[in-house]
Protein backbone atom coordinates (compact mmCIF):
# COMPACT_ATOMS: atom_id res chain seq x y z
CA MET A 1 7.33 -14.86 -6.61
CA GLY A 2 5.13 -12.81 -4.30
CA LEU A 3 5.71 -10.87 -1.14
CA THR A 4 4.85 -12.34 2.24
CA TYR A 5 3.83 -10.24 5.23
CA ILE A 6 3.14 -11.49 8.73
CA GLU A 7 1.97 -9.68 11.83
CA GLY A 8 4.10 -9.97 14.94
CA LYS A 9 4.38 -8.45 18.39
CA VAL A 10 7.60 -6.80 19.48
CA ILE A 11 8.44 -6.36 23.17
CA GLY A 12 11.01 -3.77 24.18
CA ASN A 13 13.31 -3.38 27.16
CA ASN A 14 10.70 -1.16 28.82
CA ASP A 15 8.01 -3.92 28.39
CA GLU A 16 6.29 -1.63 25.88
CA THR A 17 4.81 -3.64 22.99
CA ALA A 18 4.07 -2.88 19.35
CA THR A 19 2.27 -4.81 16.65
CA VAL A 20 4.31 -4.84 13.45
CA ASN A 21 3.44 -5.98 9.94
CA PHE A 22 6.74 -7.57 8.84
CA LEU A 23 7.82 -8.26 5.28
CA VAL A 24 9.27 -11.79 5.51
CA ASP A 25 12.70 -11.56 3.88
CA SER A 26 14.56 -14.86 4.16
CA GLY A 27 17.43 -13.25 2.20
CA ALA A 28 18.01 -10.67 4.93
CA ASN A 29 20.17 -11.74 7.86
CA TYR A 30 18.61 -9.64 10.61
CA THR A 31 15.14 -8.38 11.40
CA LEU A 32 14.67 -4.63 10.96
CA LEU A 33 12.39 -2.39 13.03
CA THR A 34 11.29 1.02 11.79
CA LYS A 35 12.54 4.05 13.68
CA ASP A 36 9.15 4.91 15.20
CA ILE A 37 8.79 1.37 16.58
CA TRP A 38 12.25 0.91 18.11
CA GLU A 39 12.20 4.38 19.65
CA ARG A 40 8.79 3.68 21.24
CA LEU A 41 10.14 0.38 22.61
CA GLY A 42 13.13 2.14 24.18
CA LEU A 43 15.74 0.12 22.27
CA LYS A 44 19.35 1.32 22.37
CA ALA A 45 22.19 0.54 19.97
CA LYS A 46 24.63 -2.13 21.15
CA LYS A 47 26.88 -2.09 18.07
CA THR A 48 27.00 -0.94 14.46
CA LEU A 49 27.28 -3.24 11.44
CA ASN A 50 27.71 -2.76 7.69
CA PHE A 51 25.18 -4.31 5.31
CA THR A 52 24.98 -4.76 1.55
CA LEU A 53 21.56 -4.29 -0.06
CA ALA A 54 20.30 -6.42 -2.96
CA ASP A 55 21.38 -3.72 -5.45
CA GLY A 56 24.92 -3.66 -4.02
CA THR A 57 24.49 -0.45 -2.02
CA LYS A 58 26.41 -0.51 1.26
CA ILE A 59 24.78 0.92 4.39
CA GLU A 60 25.57 1.10 8.10
CA ARG A 61 22.94 0.46 10.77
CA ASP A 62 22.88 0.15 14.56
CA ILE A 63 21.94 -3.22 16.11
CA SER A 64 19.99 -3.86 19.31
CA GLU A 65 17.92 -6.75 20.65
CA CYS A 66 14.36 -7.36 21.77
CA ARG A 67 11.70 -10.07 22.03
CA ILE A 68 9.50 -10.90 19.05
CA GLU A 69 6.35 -13.00 19.13
CA ILE A 70 5.31 -14.67 15.86
CA LEU A 71 2.80 -17.53 15.54
CA GLY A 72 2.62 -17.90 19.31
CA GLU A 73 6.42 -18.23 19.69
CA ASP A 74 8.21 -15.56 21.74
CA PHE A 75 12.01 -15.34 21.63
CA HIS A 76 14.86 -12.87 22.04
CA THR A 77 16.48 -11.75 18.77
CA PRO A 78 18.92 -9.20 17.38
CA VAL A 79 17.30 -6.38 15.39
CA ILE A 80 18.48 -3.61 13.09
CA LEU A 81 17.45 -0.15 14.26
CA GLY A 82 15.95 1.24 11.07
CA GLU A 83 16.25 4.80 9.83
CA GLU A 84 13.78 7.03 7.98
CA GLY A 85 12.49 5.22 4.89
CA ASP A 86 13.36 1.71 6.09
CA GLU A 87 10.62 -0.96 6.15
CA SER A 88 10.10 -3.59 8.88
CA LEU A 89 11.66 -6.89 7.79
CA LEU A 90 11.61 -10.33 9.40
CA GLY A 91 15.05 -11.79 8.64
CA ALA A 92 16.62 -15.25 8.57
CA VAL A 93 18.23 -15.13 12.04
CA THR A 94 14.89 -14.40 13.72
CA LEU A 95 13.13 -17.03 11.60
CA GLU A 96 15.70 -19.62 12.73
CA ILE A 97 15.47 -18.54 16.37
CA LEU A 98 11.68 -18.94 16.18
CA GLY A 99 12.09 -22.33 14.46
CA VAL A 100 10.11 -21.43 11.33
CA VAL A 101 10.82 -21.26 7.61
CA LEU A 102 9.12 -19.51 4.71
CA ASN A 103 7.21 -21.91 2.46
CA PRO A 104 7.70 -20.31 -0.98
CA PHE A 105 4.79 -22.18 -2.57
CA ASN A 106 1.99 -20.88 -0.35
CA ARG A 107 3.94 -17.92 1.11
CA SER A 108 3.38 -18.90 4.72
CA LEU A 109 5.58 -19.63 7.72
CA GLN A 110 5.75 -23.22 8.89
CA PRO A 111 7.72 -25.15 11.52
CA MET A 112 11.33 -25.81 10.61
CA ARG A 113 12.63 -29.37 10.36
CA MET A 114 15.13 -29.40 13.19
CA MET A 115 18.47 -31.18 12.69
CA LEU A 116 20.88 -32.09 15.47
CA ALA A 117 23.49 -33.92 13.39
């Protein structure tokens, strides 16, 4: 199993934009922005949530929201406001909002098969 990175554009509340190289992490619920990015975009915490990392470590992070553009799709999504040492992640909620899934065989994003039933 390899790692998959994808470049995306993040648009903040102040219409400032940043290009981010996201690690696609379909096991993470929310997308995470590094501290330098979310501060530049003018994002503010709306609430705080507790998370459990893959190794069982429990952490607390603030949550905000912004627009993210990936593969020509631009939608509003919740984001974790990262702290020092955190890496930008593209999580499952944002992937679903954008209507894409990670293809594990060729490590690319592709359109999601949409179900209404």
